[in-house]
Each structure stands twice: as structure tokens, then as C-alpha cells.
Amino acid sequence: MKYIPLLIAIFLIGCSPSWNDGPYEIYWIDGEKALGFNLGNDANIRRIDEPQHISANEMFVSVYACPEGACAYYYIDRVQDHKFADSSEFVFGPYTEKTFVKLQQKLRLPKLEQR
């Protein structure tokens, strides 16, 4: 019985997002890490699987992610994104590092930390 509060605390910590910025947050579900659009009440719409590095500004979210083991660069247009939108309208990628660096300069995407 004395371990129940500890188990509850671990469960709650494990369910909390590890990063968030506005409606976007990185969360874990069923052992998988994802970047999602938070709808409230612990509900998220998945945007990008297995994000490794993320950075955001008021216009864009830059992401280095490895969905299904294939690592690449992505960005999200925050202005176009909303909870009813189809992700193909505002999630762009995958890109190579070289292409993404060019897009960062052209669109003023947030810079990602060095891997």
C-alpha cells in the first residue's frame, strides 16, 4: 500500500509533456514520442512522430525527427495550423539537412540545436 502514491506520481510524470509551446507539445503515448497539437483535456492531434530536436517561434516550428527510424528535418507553419486542418496543409518535410538550412534562411525558420 505504501507504494501506491509513488506509482501514481511516476504515472503522472510519465504522462506529462516534455516540451510545449502554445498548442504544441511533445508527449508520450504507448511508449512512442510525438509532437502534437494540444486540444485540451489531455487530447492531442499527432503532427510528427519521434521528434528529437525542436525549436519554435511565432510563425514556425522546426523539428528534427526520426519516424520509423528515418531521420530528417520538418517544419510546421503555425499560421496555417489549427485543430481541424489536414496536416498536409502545414507540415512540411522530410528534408535533408542541406535543404532545410536553405529553407531556414529563406523562411526564417527557428534554428535547431546542434545534434
PDB file of N, CA and C in Angstrom:
ATOM      1  N   MET A   1       0.809  -1.209   0.000  1.00  0.00           N
ATOM      2  CA  MET A   1       0.000   0.000   0.000  1.00  0.00           C
ATOM      3  C   MET A   1       0.846   1.264   0.000  1.00  0.00           C
ATOM      4  N   LYS A   2       2.016   1.213   0.646  1.00  0.00           N
ATOM      5  CA  LYS A   2       2.823   2.428   0.719  1.00  0.00           C
ATOM      6  C   LYS A   2       3.435   2.803  -0.629  1.00  0.00           C
ATOM      7  N   TYR A   3       3.416   1.909  -1.601  1.00  0.00           N
ATOM      8  CA  TYR A   3       3.987   2.189  -2.915  1.00  0.00           C
ATOM      9  C   TYR A   3       2.978   2.797  -3.884  1.00  0.00           C
ATOM     10  N   ILE A   4       1.712   2.770  -3.557  1.00  0.00           N
ATOM     11  CA  ILE A   4       0.680   3.290  -4.460  1.00  0.00           C
ATOM     12  C   ILE A   4       0.890   4.776  -4.763  1.00  0.00           C
ATOM     13  N   PRO A   5       1.129   5.651  -3.769  1.00  0.00           N
ATOM     14  CA  PRO A   5       1.369   7.065  -4.110  1.00  0.00           C
ATOM     15  C   PRO A   5       2.590   7.254  -5.015  1.00  0.00           C
ATOM     16  N   LEU A   6       3.632   6.462  -4.798  1.00  0.00           N
ATOM     17  CA  LEU A   6       4.818   6.550  -5.644  1.00  0.00           C
ATOM     18  C   LEU A   6       4.493   6.147  -7.082  1.00  0.00           C
ATOM     19  N   LEU A   7       3.745   5.076  -7.251  1.00  0.00           N
ATOM     20  CA  LEU A   7       3.360   4.629  -8.588  1.00  0.00           C
ATOM     21  C   LEU A   7       2.484   5.660  -9.290  1.00  0.00           C
ATOM     22  N   ILE A   8       1.582   6.274  -8.559  1.00  0.00           N
ATOM     23  CA  ILE A   8       0.720   7.313  -9.134  1.00  0.00           C
ATOM     24  C   ILE A   8       1.564   8.505  -9.579  1.00  0.00           C
ATOM     25  N   ALA A   9       2.519   8.918  -8.760  1.00  0.00           N
ATOM     26  CA  ALA A   9       3.389  10.045  -9.113  1.00  0.00           C
ATOM     27  C   ALA A   9       4.201   9.738 -10.367  1.00  0.00           C
ATOM     28  N   ILE A  10       4.751   8.541 -10.452  1.00  0.00           N
ATOM     29  CA  ILE A  10       5.525   8.151 -11.634  1.00  0.00           C
ATOM     30  C   ILE A  10       4.638   8.147 -12.872  1.00  0.00           C
ATOM     31  N   PHE A  11       3.423   7.639 -12.743  1.00  0.00           N
ATOM     32  CA  PHE A  11       2.493   7.614 -13.869  1.00  0.00           C
ATOM     33  C   PHE A  11       2.170   9.026 -14.342  1.00  0.00           C
ATOM     34  N   LEU A  12       1.899   9.934 -13.416  1.00  0.00           N
ATOM     35  CA  LEU A  12       1.549  11.304 -13.789  1.00  0.00           C
ATOM     36  C   LEU A  12       2.718  12.029 -14.435  1.00  0.00           C
ATOM     37  N   ILE A  13       3.919  11.814 -13.929  1.00  0.00           N
ATOM     38  CA  ILE A  13       5.094  12.433 -14.527  1.00  0.00           C
ATOM     39  C   ILE A  13       5.316  11.877 -15.927  1.00  0.00           C
ATOM     40  N   GLY A  14       5.121  10.589 -16.106  1.00  0.00           N
ATOM     41  CA  GLY A  14       5.313   9.947 -17.404  1.00  0.00           C
ATOM     42  C   GLY A  14       4.312  10.393 -18.444  1.00  0.00           C
ATOM     43  N   CYS A  15       3.159  10.881 -18.029  1.00  0.00           N
ATOM     44  CA  CYS A  15       2.130  11.307 -18.976  1.00  0.00           C
ATOM     45  C   CYS A  15       2.218  12.792 -19.317  1.00  0.00           C
ATOM     46  N   SER A  16       3.052  13.536 -18.615  1.00  0.00           N
ATOM     47  CA  SER A  16       3.125  14.967 -18.864  1.00  0.00           C
ATOM     48  C   SER A  16       4.015  15.258 -20.067  1.00  0.00           C
ATOM     49  N   PRO A  17       3.752  16.364 -20.763  1.00  0.00           N
ATOM     50  CA  PRO A  17       4.565  16.678 -21.939  1.00  0.00           C
ATOM     51  C   PRO A  17       5.989  17.043 -21.544  1.00  0.00           C
ATOM     52  N   SER A  18       6.956  16.712 -22.404  1.00  0.00           N
ATOM     53  CA  SER A  18       8.349  17.030 -22.117  1.00  0.00           C
ATOM     54  C   SER A  18       8.749  18.379 -22.715  1.00  0.00           C
ATOM     55  N   TRP A  19       7.958  18.942 -23.601  1.00  0.00           N
ATOM     56  CA  TRP A  19       8.192  20.260 -24.209  1.00  0.00           C
ATOM     57  C   TRP A  19       6.849  20.786 -24.669  1.00  0.00           C
ATOM     58  N   ASN A  20       6.635  22.092 -24.529  1.00  0.00           N
ATOM     59  CA  ASN A  20       5.433  22.679 -25.117  1.00  0.00           C
ATOM     60  C   ASN A  20       5.682  24.141 -25.467  1.00  0.00           C
ATOM     61  N   ASP A  21       4.940  24.607 -26.435  1.00  0.00           N
ATOM     62  CA  ASP A  21       4.989  25.990 -26.878  1.00  0.00           C
ATOM     63  C   ASP A  21       3.635  26.279 -27.506  1.00  0.00           C
ATOM     64  N   GLY A  22       2.816  27.053 -26.805  1.00  0.00           N
ATOM     65  CA  GLY A  22       1.457  27.300 -27.279  1.00  0.00           C
ATOM     66  C   GLY A  22       0.689  25.994 -27.329  1.00  0.00           C
ATOM     67  N   PRO A  23       0.011  25.714 -28.437  1.00  0.00           N
ATOM     68  CA  PRO A  23      -0.768  24.475 -28.508  1.00  0.00           C
ATOM     69  C   PRO A  23       0.073  23.238 -28.818  1.00  0.00           C
ATOM     70  N   TYR A  24       1.357  23.417 -29.097  1.00  0.00           N
ATOM     71  CA  TYR A  24       2.207  22.282 -29.471  1.00  0.00           C
ATOM     72  C   TYR A  24       2.889  21.702 -28.244  1.00  0.00           C
ATOM     73  N   GLU A  25       2.965  20.375 -28.219  1.00  0.00           N
ATOM     74  CA  GLU A  25       3.695  19.728 -27.140  1.00  0.00           C
ATOM     75  C   GLU A  25       4.219  18.376 -27.585  1.00  0.00           C
ATOM     76  N   ILE A  26       5.343  17.999 -26.983  1.00  0.00           N
ATOM     77  CA  ILE A  26       5.878  16.662 -27.187  1.00  0.00           C
ATOM     78  C   ILE A  26       5.313  15.810 -26.066  1.00  0.00           C
ATOM     79  N   TYR A  27       4.758  14.681 -26.420  1.00  0.00           N
ATOM     80  CA  TYR A  27       4.145  13.805 -25.427  1.00  0.00           C
ATOM     81  C   TYR A  27       4.463  12.354 -25.757  1.00  0.00           C
ATOM     82  N   TRP A  28       4.262  11.507 -24.777  1.00  0.00           N
ATOM     83  CA  TRP A  28       4.477  10.062 -24.928  1.00  0.00           C
ATOM     84  C   TRP A  28       3.137   9.361 -24.820  1.00  0.00           C
ATOM     85  N   ILE A  29       2.897   8.416 -25.715  1.00  0.00           N
ATOM     86  CA  ILE A  29       1.709   7.579 -25.608  1.00  0.00           C
ATOM     87  C   ILE A  29       2.071   6.195 -26.127  1.00  0.00           C
ATOM     88  N   ASP A  30       1.765   5.205 -25.349  1.00  0.00           N
ATOM     89  CA  ASP A  30       2.098   3.814 -25.691  1.00  0.00           C
ATOM     90  C   ASP A  30       3.576   3.645 -26.032  1.00  0.00           C
ATOM     91  N   GLY A  31       4.432   4.356 -25.305  1.00  0.00           N
ATOM     92  CA  GLY A  31       5.871   4.230 -25.494  1.00  0.00           C
ATOM     93  C   GLY A  31       6.426   4.954 -26.702  1.00  0.00           C
ATOM     94  N   GLU A  32       5.599   5.696 -27.417  1.00  0.00           N
ATOM     95  CA  GLU A  32       6.059   6.435 -28.594  1.00  0.00           C
ATOM     96  C   GLU A  32       6.009   7.934 -28.316  1.00  0.00           C
ATOM     97  N   LYS A  33       7.053   8.622 -28.743  1.00  0.00           N
ATOM     98  CA  LYS A  33       7.157  10.060 -28.566  1.00  0.00           C
ATOM     99  C   LYS A  33       6.595  10.740 -29.813  1.00  0.00           C
ATOM    100  N   ALA A  34       5.825  11.809 -29.612  1.00  0.00           N
ATOM    101  CA  ALA A  34       5.233  12.515 -30.752  1.00  0.00           C
ATOM    102  C   ALA A  34       5.109  14.004 -30.445  1.00  0.00           C
ATOM    103  N   LEU A  35       5.123  14.801 -31.494  1.00  0.00           N
ATOM    104  CA  LEU A  35       4.809  16.218 -31.389  1.00  0.00           C
ATOM    105  C   LEU A  35       3.353  16.352 -31.789  1.00  0.00           C
ATOM    106  N   GLY A  36       2.560  16.986 -30.942  1.00  0.00           N
ATOM    107  CA  GLY A  36       1.142  17.097 -31.231  1.00  0.00           C
ATOM    108  C   GLY A  36       0.588  18.483 -30.989  1.00  0.00           C
ATOM    109  N   PHE A  37      -0.627  18.682 -31.457  1.00  0.00           N
ATOM    110  CA  PHE A  37      -1.397  19.900 -31.251  1.00  0.00           C
ATOM    111  C   PHE A  37      -2.352  19.604 -30.105  1.00  0.00           C
ATOM    112  N   ASN A  38      -2.186  20.299 -28.985  1.00  0.00           N
ATOM    113  CA  ASN A  38      -2.975  20.029 -27.791  1.00  0.00           C
ATOM    114  C   ASN A  38      -4.379  20.615 -27.930  1.00  0.00           C
ATOM    115  N   LEU A  39      -5.377  19.745 -27.760  1.00  0.00           N
ATOM    116  CA  LEU A  39      -6.777  20.167 -27.821  1.00  0.00           C
ATOM    117  C   LEU A  39      -7.351  20.455 -26.439  1.00  0.00           C
ATOM    118  N   GLY A  40      -6.570  20.187 -25.399  1.00  0.00           N
ATOM    119  CA  GLY A  40      -7.047  20.318 -24.033  1.00  0.00           C
ATOM    120  C   GLY A  40      -7.541  18.981 -23.519  1.00  0.00           C
ATOM    121  N   ASN A  41      -7.740  18.893 -22.219  1.00  0.00           N
ATOM    122  CA  ASN A  41      -8.204  17.658 -21.578  1.00  0.00           C
ATOM    123  C   ASN A  41      -7.350  16.448 -21.957  1.00  0.00           C
ATOM    124  N   ASP A  42      -6.025  16.653 -22.029  1.00  0.00           N
ATOM    125  CA  ASP A  42      -5.069  15.578 -22.348  1.00  0.00           C
ATOM    126  C   ASP A  42      -5.291  14.955 -23.725  1.00  0.00           C
ATOM    127  N   ALA A  43      -5.896  15.683 -24.645  1.00  0.00           N
ATOM    128  CA  ALA A  43      -6.097  15.183 -26.013  1.00  0.00           C
ATOM    129  C   ALA A  43      -5.157  15.932 -26.955  1.00  0.00           C
ATOM    130  N   ASN A  44      -4.500  15.189 -27.837  1.00  0.00           N
ATOM    131  CA  ASN A  44      -3.570  15.767 -28.810  1.00  0.00           C
ATOM    132  C   ASN A  44      -3.852  15.214 -30.194  1.00  0.00           C
ATOM    133  N   ILE A  45      -3.602  16.047 -31.201  1.00  0.00           N
ATOM    134  CA  ILE A  45      -3.613  15.579 -32.581  1.00  0.00           C
ATOM    135  C   ILE A  45      -2.149  15.448 -32.981  1.00  0.00           C
ATOM    136  N   ARG A  46      -1.757  14.258 -33.361  1.00  0.00           N
ATOM    137  CA  ARG A  46      -0.359  13.983 -33.700  1.00  0.00           C
ATOM    138  C   ARG A  46       0.031  14.735 -34.969  1.00  0.00           C
ATOM    139  N   ARG A  47       1.225  15.369 -34.896  1.00  0.00           N
ATOM    140  CA  ARG A  47       1.753  16.093 -36.050  1.00  0.00           C
ATOM    141  C   ARG A  47       2.993  15.402 -36.622  1.00  0.00           C
ATOM    142  N   ILE A  48       3.990  15.099 -35.773  1.00  0.00           N
ATOM    143  CA  ILE A  48       5.234  14.473 -36.237  1.00  0.00           C
ATOM    144  C   ILE A  48       5.663  13.428 -35.212  1.00  0.00           C
ATOM    145  N   ASP A  49       5.982  12.225 -35.689  1.00  0.00           N
ATOM    146  CA  ASP A  49       6.422  11.141 -34.809  1.00  0.00           C
ATOM    147  C   ASP A  49       7.910  11.246 -34.492  1.00  0.00           C
ATOM    148  N   GLU A  50       8.264  10.792 -33.311  1.00  0.00           N
ATOM    149  CA  GLU A  50       9.652  10.662 -32.844  1.00  0.00           C
ATOM    150  C   GLU A  50      10.505  11.920 -33.037  1.00  0.00           C
ATOM    151  N   PRO A  51      10.042  13.077 -32.530  1.00  0.00           N
ATOM    152  CA  PRO A  51      10.876  14.282 -32.604  1.00  0.00           C
ATOM    153  C   PRO A  51      12.108  14.133 -31.715  1.00  0.00           C
ATOM    154  N   GLN A  52      13.248  14.569 -32.210  1.00  0.00           N
ATOM    155  CA  GLN A  52      14.498  14.509 -31.454  1.00  0.00           C
ATOM    156  C   GLN A  52      14.924  15.899 -30.985  1.00  0.00           C
ATOM    157  N   HIS A  53      14.791  16.894 -31.854  1.00  0.00           N
ATOM    158  CA  HIS A  53      15.133  18.283 -31.544  1.00  0.00           C
ATOM    159  C   HIS A  53      14.012  19.156 -32.086  1.00  0.00           C
ATOM    160  N   ILE A  54      13.704  20.209 -31.323  1.00  0.00           N
ATOM    161  CA  ILE A  54      12.594  21.068 -31.723  1.00  0.00           C
ATOM    162  C   ILE A  54      12.879  22.498 -31.299  1.00  0.00           C
ATOM    163  N   SER A  55      12.440  23.437 -32.119  1.00  0.00           N
ATOM    164  CA  SER A  55      12.576  24.853 -31.813  1.00  0.00           C
ATOM    165  C   SER A  55      11.383  25.567 -32.445  1.00  0.00           C
ATOM    166  N   ALA A  56      10.937  26.644 -31.806  1.00  0.00           N
ATOM    167  CA  ALA A  56       9.739  27.322 -32.305  1.00  0.00           C
ATOM    168  C   ALA A  56       9.889  28.834 -32.217  1.00  0.00           C
ATOM    169  N   ASN A  57       9.198  29.514 -33.103  1.00  0.00           N
ATOM    170  CA  ASN A  57       8.999  30.954 -32.999  1.00  0.00           C
ATOM    171  C   ASN A  57       7.515  31.213 -33.240  1.00  0.00           C
ATOM    172  N   GLU A  58       7.132  32.463 -33.407  1.00  0.00           N
ATOM    173  CA  GLU A  58       5.703  32.764 -33.545  1.00  0.00           C
ATOM    174  C   GLU A  58       5.108  32.285 -34.868  1.00  0.00           C
ATOM    175  N   MET A  59       5.945  32.016 -35.873  1.00  0.00           N
ATOM    176  CA  MET A  59       5.440  31.610 -37.185  1.00  0.00           C
ATOM    177  C   MET A  59       5.620  30.123 -37.506  1.00  0.00           C
ATOM    178  N   PHE A  60       6.699  29.519 -37.005  1.00  0.00           N
ATOM    179  CA  PHE A  60       7.047  28.156 -37.403  1.00  0.00           C
ATOM    180  C   PHE A  60       7.545  27.318 -36.228  1.00  0.00           C
ATOM    181  N   VAL A  61       7.472  26.006 -36.415  1.00  0.00           N
ATOM    182  CA  VAL A  61       8.099  25.039 -35.517  1.00  0.00           C
ATOM    183  C   VAL A  61       9.052  24.219 -36.383  1.00  0.00           C
ATOM    184  N   SER A  62      10.331  24.200 -36.017  1.00  0.00           N
ATOM    185  CA  SER A  62      11.333  23.388 -36.716  1.00  0.00           C
ATOM    186  C   SER A  62      11.546  22.109 -35.928  1.00  0.00           C
ATOM    187  N   VAL A  63      11.642  20.988 -36.646  1.00  0.00           N
ATOM    188  CA  VAL A  63      11.760  19.691 -35.971  1.00  0.00           C
ATOM    189  C   VAL A  63      12.759  18.809 -36.707  1.00  0.00           C
ATOM    190  N   TYR A  64      13.638  18.179 -35.931  1.00  0.00           N
ATOM    191  CA  TYR A  64      14.460  17.085 -36.448  1.00  0.00           C
ATOM    192  C   TYR A  64      13.849  15.839 -35.840  1.00  0.00           C
ATOM    193  N   ALA A  65      13.362  14.934 -36.663  1.00  0.00           N
ATOM    194  CA  ALA A  65      12.627  13.766 -36.176  1.00  0.00           C
ATOM    195  C   ALA A  65      13.078  12.504 -36.892  1.00  0.00           C
ATOM    196  N   CYS A  66      12.815  11.379 -36.231  1.00  0.00           N
ATOM    197  CA  CYS A  66      13.207  10.073 -36.778  1.00  0.00           C
ATOM    198  C   CYS A  66      12.026   9.108 -36.789  1.00  0.00           C
ATOM    199  N   PRO A  67      10.944   9.434 -37.516  1.00  0.00           N
ATOM    200  CA  PRO A  67       9.830   8.485 -37.586  1.00  0.00           C
ATOM    201  C   PRO A  67      10.251   7.216 -38.323  1.00  0.00           C
ATOM    202  N   GLU A  68       9.892   6.098 -37.767  1.00  0.00           N
ATOM    203  CA  GLU A  68      10.215   4.791 -38.355  1.00  0.00           C
ATOM    204  C   GLU A  68      11.707   4.647 -38.642  1.00  0.00           C
ATOM    205  N   GLY A  69      12.549   5.302 -37.835  1.00  0.00           N
ATOM    206  CA  GLY A  69      13.993   5.166 -37.958  1.00  0.00           C
ATOM    207  C   GLY A  69      14.635   5.970 -39.072  1.00  0.00           C
ATOM    208  N   ALA A  70      13.858   6.707 -39.850  1.00  0.00           N
ATOM    209  CA  ALA A  70      14.388   7.526 -40.945  1.00  0.00           C
ATOM    210  C   ALA A  70      14.428   8.987 -40.493  1.00  0.00           C
ATOM    211  N   CYS A  71      15.603   9.468 -40.123  1.00  0.00           N
ATOM    212  CA  CYS A  71      15.737  10.822 -39.582  1.00  0.00           C
ATOM    213  C   CYS A  71      15.762  11.870 -40.693  1.00  0.00           C
ATOM    214  N   ALA A  72      15.082  12.987 -40.441  1.00  0.00           N
ATOM    215  CA  ALA A  72      15.008  14.074 -41.412  1.00  0.00           C
ATOM    216  C   ALA A  72      14.525  15.338 -40.707  1.00  0.00           C
ATOM    217  N   TYR A  73      14.468  16.418 -41.463  1.00  0.00           N
ATOM    218  CA  TYR A  73      14.038  17.714 -40.950  1.00  0.00           C
ATOM    219  C   TYR A  73      12.633  18.033 -41.452  1.00  0.00           C
ATOM    220  N   TYR A  74      11.867  18.708 -40.585  1.00  0.00           N
ATOM    221  CA  TYR A  74      10.485  19.083 -40.891  1.00  0.00           C
ATOM    222  C   TYR A  74      10.239  20.485 -40.345  1.00  0.00           C
ATOM    223  N   TYR A  75       9.197  21.127 -40.849  1.00  0.00           N
ATOM    224  CA  TYR A  75       8.726  22.336 -40.190  1.00  0.00           C
ATOM    225  C   TYR A  75       7.210  22.402 -40.281  1.00  0.00           C
ATOM    226  N   ILE A  76       6.642  23.111 -39.320  1.00  0.00           N
ATOM    227  CA  ILE A  76       5.192  23.314 -39.241  1.00  0.00           C
ATOM    228  C   ILE A  76       4.922  24.806 -39.385  1.00  0.00           C
ATOM    229  N   ASP A  77       3.997  25.154 -40.254  1.00  0.00           N
ATOM    230  CA  ASP A  77       3.550  26.534 -40.417  1.00  0.00           C
ATOM    231  C   ASP A  77       2.468  26.780 -39.369  1.00  0.00           C
ATOM    232  N   ARG A  78       2.818  27.473 -38.298  1.00  0.00           N
ATOM    233  CA  ARG A  78       1.884  27.703 -37.191  1.00  0.00           C
ATOM    234  C   ARG A  78       0.688  28.548 -37.608  1.00  0.00           C
ATOM    235  N   VAL A  79       0.883  29.435 -38.565  1.00  0.00           N
ATOM    236  CA  VAL A  79      -0.195  30.322 -39.003  1.00  0.00           C
ATOM    237  C   VAL A  79      -1.310  29.521 -39.668  1.00  0.00           C
ATOM    238  N   GLN A  80      -0.956  28.509 -40.444  1.00  0.00           N
ATOM    239  CA  GLN A  80      -1.940  27.698 -41.162  1.00  0.00           C
ATOM    240  C   GLN A  80      -2.534  26.577 -40.308  1.00  0.00           C
ATOM    241  N   ASP A  81      -1.856  26.183 -39.253  1.00  0.00           N
ATOM    242  CA  ASP A  81      -2.284  25.041 -38.443  1.00  0.00           C
ATOM    243  C   ASP A  81      -3.447  25.410 -37.524  1.00  0.00           C
ATOM    244  N   HIS A  82      -4.382  24.503 -37.416  1.00  0.00           N
ATOM    245  CA  HIS A  82      -5.469  24.602 -36.442  1.00  0.00           C
ATOM    246  C   HIS A  82      -6.021  23.199 -36.238  1.00  0.00           C
ATOM    247  N   LYS A  83      -6.832  23.025 -35.235  1.00  0.00           N
ATOM    248  CA  LYS A  83      -7.243  21.668 -34.858  1.00  0.00           C
ATOM    249  C   LYS A  83      -8.087  20.948 -35.902  1.00  0.00           C
ATOM    250  N   PHE A  84      -8.659  21.654 -36.860  1.00  0.00           N
ATOM    251  CA  PHE A  84      -9.482  20.995 -37.873  1.00  0.00           C
ATOM    252  C   PHE A  84      -8.751  20.818 -39.207  1.00  0.00           C
ATOM    253  N   ALA A  85      -7.511  21.295 -39.291  1.00  0.00           N
ATOM    254  CA  ALA A  85      -6.770  21.254 -40.557  1.00  0.00           C
ATOM    255  C   ALA A  85      -6.180  19.876 -40.821  1.00  0.00           C
ATOM    256  N   ASP A  86      -5.993  19.579 -42.089  1.00  0.00           N
ATOM    257  CA  ASP A  86      -5.296  18.363 -42.512  1.00  0.00           C
ATOM    258  C   ASP A  86      -3.802  18.669 -42.440  1.00  0.00           C
ATOM    259  N   SER A  87      -3.024  17.805 -41.812  1.00  0.00           N
ATOM    260  CA  SER A  87      -1.604  18.105 -41.590  1.00  0.00           C
ATOM    261  C   SER A  87      -0.819  18.314 -42.882  1.00  0.00           C
ATOM    262  N   SER A  88      -1.294  17.805 -44.003  1.00  0.00           N
ATOM    263  CA  SER A  88      -0.584  18.013 -45.271  1.00  0.00           C
ATOM    264  C   SER A  88      -0.606  19.482 -45.695  1.00  0.00           C
ATOM    265  N   GLU A  89      -1.461  20.283 -45.075  1.00  0.00           N
ATOM    266  CA  GLU A  89      -1.557  21.703 -45.406  1.00  0.00           C
ATOM    267  C   GLU A  89      -0.492  22.547 -44.716  1.00  0.00           C
ATOM    268  N   PHE A  90       0.123  22.051 -43.645  1.00  0.00           N
ATOM    269  CA  PHE A  90       1.034  22.892 -42.862  1.00  0.00           C
ATOM    270  C   PHE A  90       2.243  22.165 -42.291  1.00  0.00           C
ATOM    271  N   VAL A  91       2.341  20.831 -42.410  1.00  0.00           N
ATOM    272  CA  VAL A  91       3.539  20.091 -42.003  1.00  0.00           C
ATOM    273  C   VAL A  91       4.335  19.803 -43.266  1.00  0.00           C
ATOM    274  N   PHE A  92       5.574  20.298 -43.304  1.00  0.00           N
ATOM    275  CA  PHE A  92       6.403  20.169 -44.499  1.00  0.00           C
ATOM    276  C   PHE A  92       7.654  19.349 -44.193  1.00  0.00           C
ATOM    277  N   GLY A  93       8.009  18.480 -45.109  1.00  0.00           N
ATOM    278  CA  GLY A  93       9.175  17.620 -44.944  1.00  0.00           C
ATOM    279  C   GLY A  93       8.798  16.220 -45.364  1.00  0.00           C
ATOM    280  N   PRO A  94       9.693  15.314 -45.376  1.00  0.00           N
ATOM    281  CA  PRO A  94      11.043  15.384 -44.812  1.00  0.00           C
ATOM    282  C   PRO A  94      12.020  16.086 -45.754  1.00  0.00           C
ATOM    283  N   TYR A  95      13.021  16.755 -45.136  1.00  0.00           N
ATOM    284  CA  TYR A  95      14.072  17.435 -45.872  1.00  0.00           C
ATOM    285  C   TYR A  95      15.439  16.941 -45.413  1.00  0.00           C
ATOM    286  N   THR A  96      16.411  17.039 -46.310  1.00  0.00           N
ATOM    287  CA  THR A  96      17.800  16.792 -45.929  1.00  0.00           C
ATOM    288  C   THR A  96      18.290  18.007 -45.139  1.00  0.00           C
ATOM    289  N   GLU A  97      19.406  17.850 -44.466  1.00  0.00           N
ATOM    290  CA  GLU A  97      19.967  18.970 -43.701  1.00  0.00           C
ATOM    291  C   GLU A  97      20.294  20.151 -44.616  1.00  0.00           C
ATOM    292  N   LYS A  98      20.884  19.880 -45.759  1.00  0.00           N
ATOM    293  CA  LYS A  98      21.266  20.940 -46.701  1.00  0.00           C
ATOM    294  C   LYS A  98      20.042  21.732 -47.172  1.00  0.00           C
ATOM    295  N   THR A  99      18.996  21.038 -47.546  1.00  0.00           N
ATOM    296  CA  THR A  99      17.769  21.703 -47.994  1.00  0.00           C
ATOM    297  C   THR A  99      17.121  22.474 -46.854  1.00  0.00           C
ATOM    298  N   PHE A 100      17.124  21.893 -45.664  1.00  0.00           N
ATOM    299  CA  PHE A 100      16.500  22.545 -44.518  1.00  0.00           C
ATOM    300  C   PHE A 100      17.230  23.839 -44.148  1.00  0.00           C
ATOM    301  N   VAL A 101      18.548  23.839 -44.219  1.00  0.00           N
ATOM    302  CA  VAL A 101      19.320  25.053 -43.920  1.00  0.00           C
ATOM    303  C   VAL A 101      18.938  26.169 -44.890  1.00  0.00           C
ATOM    304  N   LYS A 102      18.759  25.843 -46.154  1.00  0.00           N
ATOM    305  CA  LYS A 102      18.322  26.841 -47.141  1.00  0.00           C
ATOM    306  C   LYS A 102      16.930  27.366 -46.799  1.00  0.00           C
ATOM    307  N   LEU A 103      16.035  26.459 -46.400  1.00  0.00           N
ATOM    308  CA  LEU A 103      14.685  26.877 -46.010  1.00  0.00           C
ATOM    309  C   LEU A 103      14.716  27.743 -44.750  1.00  0.00           C
ATOM    310  N   GLN A 104      15.603  27.421 -43.813  1.00  0.00           N
ATOM    311  CA  GLN A 104      15.734  28.238 -42.599  1.00  0.00           C
ATOM    312  C   GLN A 104      16.060  29.681 -42.964  1.00  0.00           C
ATOM    313  N   GLN A 105      16.972  29.859 -43.883  1.00  0.00           N
ATOM    314  CA  GLN A 105      17.372  31.208 -44.289  1.00  0.00           C
ATOM    315  C   GLN A 105      16.254  31.908 -45.057  1.00  0.00           C
ATOM    316  N   LYS A 106      15.625  31.200 -45.961  1.00  0.00           N
ATOM    317  CA  LYS A 106      14.581  31.789 -46.806  1.00  0.00           C
ATOM    318  C   LYS A 106      13.325  32.154 -46.005  1.00  0.00           C
ATOM    319  N   LEU A 107      12.872  31.243 -45.141  1.00  0.00           N
ATOM    320  CA  LEU A 107      11.611  31.435 -44.416  1.00  0.00           C
ATOM    321  C   LEU A 107      11.786  31.971 -42.997  1.00  0.00           C
ATOM    322  N   ARG A 108      13.048  32.065 -42.551  1.00  0.00           N
ATOM    323  CA  ARG A 108      13.353  32.453 -41.165  1.00  0.00           C
ATOM    324  C   ARG A 108      12.789  31.443 -40.170  1.00  0.00           C
ATOM    325  N   LEU A 109      13.025  30.178 -40.488  1.00  0.00           N
ATOM    326  CA  LEU A 109      12.620  29.106 -39.578  1.00  0.00           C
ATOM    327  C   LEU A 109      13.494  29.153 -38.332  1.00  0.00           C
ATOM    328  N   PRO A 110      12.962  28.730 -37.185  1.00  0.00           N
ATOM    329  CA  PRO A 110      13.794  28.685 -35.978  1.00  0.00           C
ATOM    330  C   PRO A 110      14.946  27.702 -36.152  1.00  0.00           C
ATOM    331  N   LYS A 111      16.111  28.071 -35.637  1.00  0.00           N
ATOM    332  CA  LYS A 111      17.288  27.209 -35.741  1.00  0.00           C
ATOM    333  C   LYS A 111      17.206  26.088 -34.716  1.00  0.00           C
ATOM    334  N   LEU A 112      17.588  24.908 -35.156  1.00  0.00           N
ATOM    335  CA  LEU A 112      17.626  23.749 -34.271  1.00  0.00           C
ATOM    336  C   LEU A 112      18.996  23.660 -33.615  1.00  0.00           C
ATOM    337  N   GLU A 113      19.031  23.142 -32.384  1.00  0.00           N
ATOM    338  CA  GLU A 113      20.305  22.928 -31.699  1.00  0.00           C
ATOM    339  C   GLU A 113      21.127  21.909 -32.467  1.00  0.00           C
ATOM    340  N   GLN A 114      22.436  21.988 -32.308  1.00  0.00           N
ATOM    341  CA  GLN A 114      23.318  21.014 -32.952  1.00  0.00           C
ATOM    342  C   GLN A 114      23.019  19.623 -32.439  1.00  0.00           C
ATOM    343  N   ARG A 115      23.014  18.653 -33.355  1.00  0.00           N
ATOM    344  CA  ARG A 115      22.774  17.269 -32.960  1.00  0.00           C
ATOM    345  C   ARG A 115      24.028  16.665 -32.414  1.00  0.00           C
TER     346      ARG A 115
END
